[in-house]
Amino acid sequence: MSARIVRAADAPAYHPPLHTGVQARRLQGLEAGETDRFWVGLSTYPPGSSADTSPTAQETVYVVLDGALVLTVDDGEHELGSGDSVHLPRGTVRSVVNRTEQPARLLVVIATPVEAA
């Protein structure tokens, strides 16, 4: 297999469930091309946009690329800024909101389900 490049302008849009006002693009995996163990998305959170409280379907990593977001998990609220990252084990109940006046960009890496043996 050779390298697969997905240009930002060509990354397919997708609509994550329980997200309000968030613009999401698939950078790798699923409709952006096959991957083995994960997929990668880029979510833009305009001011006031959010991901509602819900459990993560799979192991997830968030990396804030620009701006600031508030992540709420079982131990409280955490403000995440540019360069901050968080690992969320499968089933972690979380919400995300942009409470600032500036857009925020979030790199999302999510594991694909392990196939039953």
N, C-alpha and C. Protein backbone atom coordinates (compact mmCIF):
# COMPACT_ATOMS: atom_id res chain seq x y z
N MET A 1 0.85 -1.18 0.00
CA MET A 1 0.00 0.00 0.00
C MET A 1 0.89 1.24 0.00
N SER A 2 0.54 2.19 -0.81
CA SER A 2 1.30 3.44 -0.83
C SER A 2 0.58 4.50 -0.01
N ALA A 3 1.24 5.61 0.15
CA ALA A 3 0.67 6.71 0.93
C ALA A 3 -0.59 7.25 0.26
N ARG A 4 -1.57 7.61 1.07
CA ARG A 4 -2.81 8.22 0.56
C ARG A 4 -2.88 9.64 1.10
N ILE A 5 -2.89 10.59 0.21
CA ILE A 5 -2.98 11.99 0.59
C ILE A 5 -4.42 12.46 0.38
N VAL A 6 -4.97 13.07 1.41
CA VAL A 6 -6.30 13.69 1.30
C VAL A 6 -6.08 15.20 1.48
N ARG A 7 -6.31 15.93 0.43
CA ARG A 7 -6.17 17.39 0.48
C ARG A 7 -7.30 17.97 1.33
N ALA A 8 -6.99 18.99 2.10
CA ALA A 8 -7.99 19.60 2.99
C ALA A 8 -9.26 19.96 2.23
N ALA A 9 -9.11 20.50 1.04
CA ALA A 9 -10.28 20.92 0.25
C ALA A 9 -11.12 19.73 -0.21
N ASP A 10 -10.52 18.55 -0.23
CA ASP A 10 -11.22 17.35 -0.70
C ASP A 10 -11.70 16.45 0.43
N ALA A 11 -11.39 16.78 1.67
CA ALA A 11 -11.81 15.94 2.80
C ALA A 11 -13.33 15.95 2.90
N PRO A 12 -13.95 14.77 2.92
CA PRO A 12 -15.42 14.74 2.95
C PRO A 12 -15.99 15.26 4.27
N ALA A 13 -17.06 16.02 4.15
CA ALA A 13 -17.78 16.50 5.34
C ALA A 13 -18.55 15.34 5.95
N TYR A 14 -18.72 15.35 7.26
CA TYR A 14 -19.59 14.40 7.93
C TYR A 14 -20.29 15.12 9.07
N HIS A 15 -21.33 14.51 9.57
CA HIS A 15 -22.14 15.15 10.61
C HIS A 15 -22.13 14.29 11.87
N PRO A 16 -21.23 14.63 12.82
CA PRO A 16 -21.17 13.83 14.04
C PRO A 16 -22.47 13.94 14.83
N PRO A 17 -22.97 12.82 15.34
CA PRO A 17 -24.23 12.88 16.09
C PRO A 17 -24.09 13.71 17.35
N LEU A 18 -25.16 14.36 17.74
CA LEU A 18 -25.25 15.15 18.97
C LEU A 18 -24.29 16.35 18.99
N HIS A 19 -23.91 16.85 17.83
CA HIS A 19 -23.09 18.06 17.73
C HIS A 19 -23.96 19.18 17.16
N THR A 20 -23.80 20.37 17.72
CA THR A 20 -24.58 21.52 17.29
C THR A 20 -23.65 22.61 16.77
N GLY A 21 -23.79 22.95 15.49
CA GLY A 21 -23.01 24.03 14.91
C GLY A 21 -21.58 23.67 14.56
N VAL A 22 -21.19 22.42 14.73
CA VAL A 22 -19.82 21.97 14.47
C VAL A 22 -19.70 21.56 13.01
N GLN A 23 -18.63 22.02 12.37
CA GLN A 23 -18.34 21.62 10.99
C GLN A 23 -17.23 20.58 11.04
N ALA A 24 -17.48 19.39 10.49
CA ALA A 24 -16.52 18.30 10.60
C ALA A 24 -16.13 17.76 9.23
N ARG A 25 -14.86 17.42 9.09
CA ARG A 25 -14.33 16.83 7.86
C ARG A 25 -13.54 15.58 8.25
N ARG A 26 -13.68 14.56 7.43
CA ARG A 26 -12.94 13.31 7.63
C ARG A 26 -11.62 13.43 6.88
N LEU A 27 -10.50 13.36 7.59
CA LEU A 27 -9.19 13.48 6.96
C LEU A 27 -8.65 12.14 6.49
N GLN A 28 -8.88 11.11 7.28
CA GLN A 28 -8.44 9.76 6.94
C GLN A 28 -9.43 8.77 7.54
N GLY A 29 -9.63 7.66 6.87
CA GLY A 29 -10.51 6.62 7.37
C GLY A 29 -11.94 6.80 6.87
N LEU A 30 -12.71 5.70 6.95
CA LEU A 30 -14.11 5.67 6.54
C LEU A 30 -14.25 6.23 5.13
N GLU A 31 -15.11 7.24 4.92
CA GLU A 31 -15.33 7.72 3.55
C GLU A 31 -14.13 8.47 2.97
N ALA A 32 -13.11 8.78 3.77
CA ALA A 32 -11.89 9.43 3.27
C ALA A 32 -10.84 8.41 2.84
N GLY A 33 -11.12 7.13 3.00
CA GLY A 33 -10.19 6.07 2.60
C GLY A 33 -9.93 5.11 3.75
N GLU A 34 -9.74 3.88 3.41
CA GLU A 34 -9.62 2.81 4.40
C GLU A 34 -8.39 2.97 5.31
N THR A 35 -8.59 2.73 6.59
CA THR A 35 -7.52 2.62 7.59
C THR A 35 -7.78 1.35 8.39
N ASP A 36 -6.78 0.87 9.11
CA ASP A 36 -6.92 -0.39 9.85
C ASP A 36 -7.46 -0.21 11.25
N ARG A 37 -6.98 0.78 11.99
CA ARG A 37 -7.27 0.83 13.42
C ARG A 37 -7.85 2.14 13.94
N PHE A 38 -7.98 3.14 13.08
CA PHE A 38 -8.44 4.45 13.55
C PHE A 38 -8.97 5.24 12.37
N TRP A 39 -9.64 6.35 12.67
CA TRP A 39 -9.95 7.36 11.67
C TRP A 39 -9.62 8.71 12.27
N VAL A 40 -9.45 9.72 11.40
CA VAL A 40 -9.04 11.05 11.83
C VAL A 40 -9.99 12.08 11.23
N GLY A 41 -10.45 12.99 12.08
CA GLY A 41 -11.31 14.06 11.63
C GLY A 41 -10.80 15.41 12.10
N LEU A 42 -11.31 16.44 11.47
CA LEU A 42 -11.01 17.81 11.86
C LEU A 42 -12.33 18.51 12.08
N SER A 43 -12.56 18.95 13.31
CA SER A 43 -13.81 19.62 13.66
C SER A 43 -13.55 21.09 13.93
N THR A 44 -14.36 21.94 13.32
CA THR A 44 -14.29 23.38 13.59
C THR A 44 -15.49 23.74 14.45
N TYR A 45 -15.21 24.34 15.60
CA TYR A 45 -16.22 24.76 16.57
C TYR A 45 -16.34 26.29 16.53
N PRO A 46 -17.32 26.83 15.82
CA PRO A 46 -17.55 28.28 15.88
C PRO A 46 -17.98 28.67 17.31
N PRO A 47 -17.92 29.94 17.65
CA PRO A 47 -18.38 30.37 18.98
C PRO A 47 -19.78 29.83 19.28
N GLY A 48 -19.94 29.26 20.47
CA GLY A 48 -21.23 28.75 20.91
C GLY A 48 -21.56 27.34 20.46
N SER A 49 -20.76 26.75 19.59
CA SER A 49 -21.06 25.40 19.12
C SER A 49 -20.65 24.37 20.17
N SER A 50 -21.18 23.14 20.03
CA SER A 50 -20.95 22.16 21.08
C SER A 50 -21.14 20.73 20.61
N ALA A 51 -20.61 19.82 21.42
CA ALA A 51 -20.90 18.39 21.33
C ALA A 51 -21.61 18.04 22.63
N ASP A 52 -22.83 17.54 22.52
CA ASP A 52 -23.64 17.24 23.71
C ASP A 52 -23.03 16.14 24.55
N THR A 53 -23.47 16.06 25.79
CA THR A 53 -23.01 15.04 26.71
C THR A 53 -23.39 13.66 26.18
N SER A 54 -22.38 12.83 25.97
CA SER A 54 -22.60 11.46 25.51
C SER A 54 -21.31 10.67 25.70
N PRO A 55 -21.42 9.33 25.72
CA PRO A 55 -20.21 8.52 25.87
C PRO A 55 -19.47 8.39 24.54
N THR A 56 -18.17 8.28 24.62
CA THR A 56 -17.38 8.01 23.42
C THR A 56 -17.64 6.57 22.98
N ALA A 57 -17.85 6.38 21.69
CA ALA A 57 -18.14 5.04 21.17
C ALA A 57 -16.90 4.16 21.15
N GLN A 58 -15.74 4.79 20.99
CA GLN A 58 -14.46 4.08 20.94
C GLN A 58 -13.40 4.94 21.62
N GLU A 59 -12.24 4.36 21.84
CA GLU A 59 -11.11 5.12 22.37
C GLU A 59 -10.88 6.33 21.47
N THR A 60 -10.69 7.51 22.08
CA THR A 60 -10.64 8.77 21.33
C THR A 60 -9.52 9.65 21.85
N VAL A 61 -8.90 10.38 20.95
CA VAL A 61 -7.92 11.41 21.31
C VAL A 61 -8.35 12.71 20.64
N TYR A 62 -8.36 13.79 21.42
CA TYR A 62 -8.61 15.14 20.90
C TYR A 62 -7.32 15.94 21.01
N VAL A 63 -7.02 16.73 19.97
CA VAL A 63 -5.91 17.68 20.01
C VAL A 63 -6.45 19.02 19.54
N VAL A 64 -6.38 20.03 20.39
CA VAL A 64 -6.84 21.37 20.01
C VAL A 64 -5.74 22.00 19.16
N LEU A 65 -6.09 22.35 17.94
CA LEU A 65 -5.12 22.96 17.03
C LEU A 65 -5.12 24.48 17.15
N ASP A 66 -6.30 25.07 17.29
CA ASP A 66 -6.44 26.52 17.41
C ASP A 66 -7.60 26.81 18.34
N GLY A 67 -7.52 27.94 19.04
CA GLY A 67 -8.62 28.37 19.88
C GLY A 67 -8.65 27.67 21.23
N ALA A 68 -9.83 27.69 21.84
CA ALA A 68 -10.01 27.09 23.17
C ALA A 68 -11.38 26.43 23.25
N LEU A 69 -11.42 25.30 23.92
CA LEU A 69 -12.66 24.56 24.13
C LEU A 69 -12.76 24.15 25.58
N VAL A 70 -13.98 23.97 26.06
CA VAL A 70 -14.19 23.46 27.41
C VAL A 70 -14.68 22.02 27.27
N LEU A 71 -13.92 21.11 27.86
CA LEU A 71 -14.26 19.70 27.90
C LEU A 71 -14.80 19.40 29.30
N THR A 72 -15.96 18.77 29.36
CA THR A 72 -16.51 18.35 30.64
C THR A 72 -16.53 16.83 30.67
N VAL A 73 -15.92 16.26 31.71
CA VAL A 73 -15.92 14.82 31.96
C VAL A 73 -16.30 14.62 33.42
N ASP A 74 -16.24 13.39 33.90
CA ASP A 74 -16.73 13.09 35.24
C ASP A 74 -16.06 13.85 36.37
N ASP A 75 -14.82 14.31 36.16
CA ASP A 75 -14.14 15.06 37.24
C ASP A 75 -14.25 16.57 37.08
N GLY A 76 -15.10 17.05 36.15
CA GLY A 76 -15.33 18.48 36.03
C GLY A 76 -14.99 19.04 34.67
N GLU A 77 -14.90 20.38 34.63
CA GLU A 77 -14.60 21.10 33.40
C GLU A 77 -13.11 21.34 33.27
N HIS A 78 -12.65 21.25 32.01
CA HIS A 78 -11.23 21.47 31.71
C HIS A 78 -11.15 22.36 30.48
N GLU A 79 -10.49 23.51 30.59
CA GLU A 79 -10.29 24.35 29.42
C GLU A 79 -9.07 23.83 28.68
N LEU A 80 -9.25 23.59 27.39
CA LEU A 80 -8.18 23.10 26.54
C LEU A 80 -7.83 24.18 25.53
N GLY A 81 -6.55 24.49 25.41
CA GLY A 81 -6.09 25.49 24.46
C GLY A 81 -5.22 24.87 23.39
N SER A 82 -4.74 25.70 22.49
CA SER A 82 -3.94 25.26 21.37
C SER A 82 -2.78 24.37 21.82
N GLY A 83 -2.69 23.19 21.23
CA GLY A 83 -1.64 22.23 21.55
C GLY A 83 -2.01 21.25 22.65
N ASP A 84 -3.09 21.52 23.39
CA ASP A 84 -3.51 20.60 24.45
C ASP A 84 -4.18 19.37 23.82
N SER A 85 -4.03 18.24 24.49
CA SER A 85 -4.66 17.01 24.02
C SER A 85 -5.27 16.26 25.19
N VAL A 86 -6.18 15.36 24.86
CA VAL A 86 -6.82 14.54 25.89
C VAL A 86 -7.11 13.17 25.30
N HIS A 87 -6.87 12.14 26.11
CA HIS A 87 -7.21 10.76 25.75
C HIS A 87 -8.48 10.40 26.49
N LEU A 88 -9.47 9.88 25.76
CA LEU A 88 -10.74 9.48 26.35
C LEU A 88 -10.93 7.98 26.10
N PRO A 89 -10.87 7.16 27.15
CA PRO A 89 -11.13 5.73 26.95
C PRO A 89 -12.56 5.52 26.44
N ARG A 90 -12.78 4.41 25.78
CA ARG A 90 -14.11 4.07 25.28
C ARG A 90 -15.13 4.16 26.41
N GLY A 91 -16.27 4.80 26.12
CA GLY A 91 -17.34 4.92 27.11
C GLY A 91 -17.24 6.14 28.01
N THR A 92 -16.19 6.94 27.86
CA THR A 92 -16.06 8.15 28.67
C THR A 92 -17.19 9.12 28.32
N VAL A 93 -17.94 9.54 29.33
CA VAL A 93 -19.02 10.50 29.10
C VAL A 93 -18.39 11.89 29.09
N ARG A 94 -18.62 12.62 27.98
CA ARG A 94 -17.99 13.93 27.82
C ARG A 94 -18.91 14.86 27.07
N SER A 95 -18.61 16.16 27.19
CA SER A 95 -19.21 17.18 26.34
C SER A 95 -18.11 18.18 26.02
N VAL A 96 -18.31 18.92 24.92
CA VAL A 96 -17.34 19.91 24.47
C VAL A 96 -18.12 21.15 24.05
N VAL A 97 -17.61 22.33 24.42
CA VAL A 97 -18.27 23.57 24.00
C VAL A 97 -17.22 24.66 23.76
N ASN A 98 -17.50 25.52 22.79
CA ASN A 98 -16.67 26.69 22.56
C ASN A 98 -17.38 27.88 23.19
N ARG A 99 -16.85 28.35 24.31
CA ARG A 99 -17.45 29.49 25.03
C ARG A 99 -16.77 30.81 24.68
N THR A 100 -15.86 30.80 23.73
CA THR A 100 -15.13 32.02 23.37
C THR A 100 -15.81 32.70 22.18
N GLU A 101 -15.25 33.83 21.78
CA GLU A 101 -15.73 34.56 20.62
C GLU A 101 -14.93 34.22 19.36
N GLN A 102 -14.02 33.24 19.46
CA GLN A 102 -13.18 32.84 18.34
C GLN A 102 -13.45 31.37 17.99
N PRO A 103 -13.34 31.00 16.72
CA PRO A 103 -13.50 29.59 16.37
C PRO A 103 -12.36 28.76 16.94
N ALA A 104 -12.62 27.48 17.14
CA ALA A 104 -11.61 26.53 17.60
C ALA A 104 -11.58 25.36 16.63
N ARG A 105 -10.39 24.80 16.42
CA ARG A 105 -10.25 23.62 15.57
C ARG A 105 -9.73 22.47 16.41
N LEU A 106 -10.37 21.31 16.23
CA LEU A 106 -10.07 20.13 17.04
C LEU A 106 -9.75 18.96 16.11
N LEU A 107 -8.55 18.39 16.26
CA LEU A 107 -8.19 17.17 15.57
C LEU A 107 -8.74 16.01 16.39
N VAL A 108 -9.45 15.11 15.74
CA VAL A 108 -10.11 13.99 16.42
C VAL A 108 -9.57 12.69 15.86
N VAL A 109 -9.07 11.81 16.73
CA VAL A 109 -8.59 10.50 16.32
C VAL A 109 -9.41 9.47 17.10
N ILE A 110 -10.10 8.59 16.37
CA ILE A 110 -10.97 7.61 17.01
C ILE A 110 -10.62 6.21 16.51
N ALA A 111 -10.47 5.29 17.44
CA ALA A 111 -10.19 3.90 17.11
C ALA A 111 -11.38 3.28 16.38
N THR A 112 -11.11 2.38 15.47
CA THR A 112 -12.19 1.62 14.84
C THR A 112 -12.48 0.41 15.72
N PRO A 113 -13.72 -0.06 15.72
CA PRO A 113 -14.05 -1.21 16.57
C PRO A 113 -13.19 -2.42 16.24
N VAL A 114 -12.82 -3.14 17.28
CA VAL A 114 -12.05 -4.37 17.09
C VAL A 114 -13.04 -5.44 16.63
N GLU A 115 -12.70 -6.11 15.54
CA GLU A 115 -13.59 -7.13 15.00
C GLU A 115 -13.58 -8.36 15.92
N ALA A 116 -14.72 -8.98 16.05
CA ALA A 116 -14.83 -10.19 16.87
C ALA A 116 -14.01 -11.31 16.23
N ALA A 117 -13.28 -12.01 17.06
CA ALA A 117 -12.43 -13.10 16.55
C ALA A 117 -13.23 -14.35 16.32
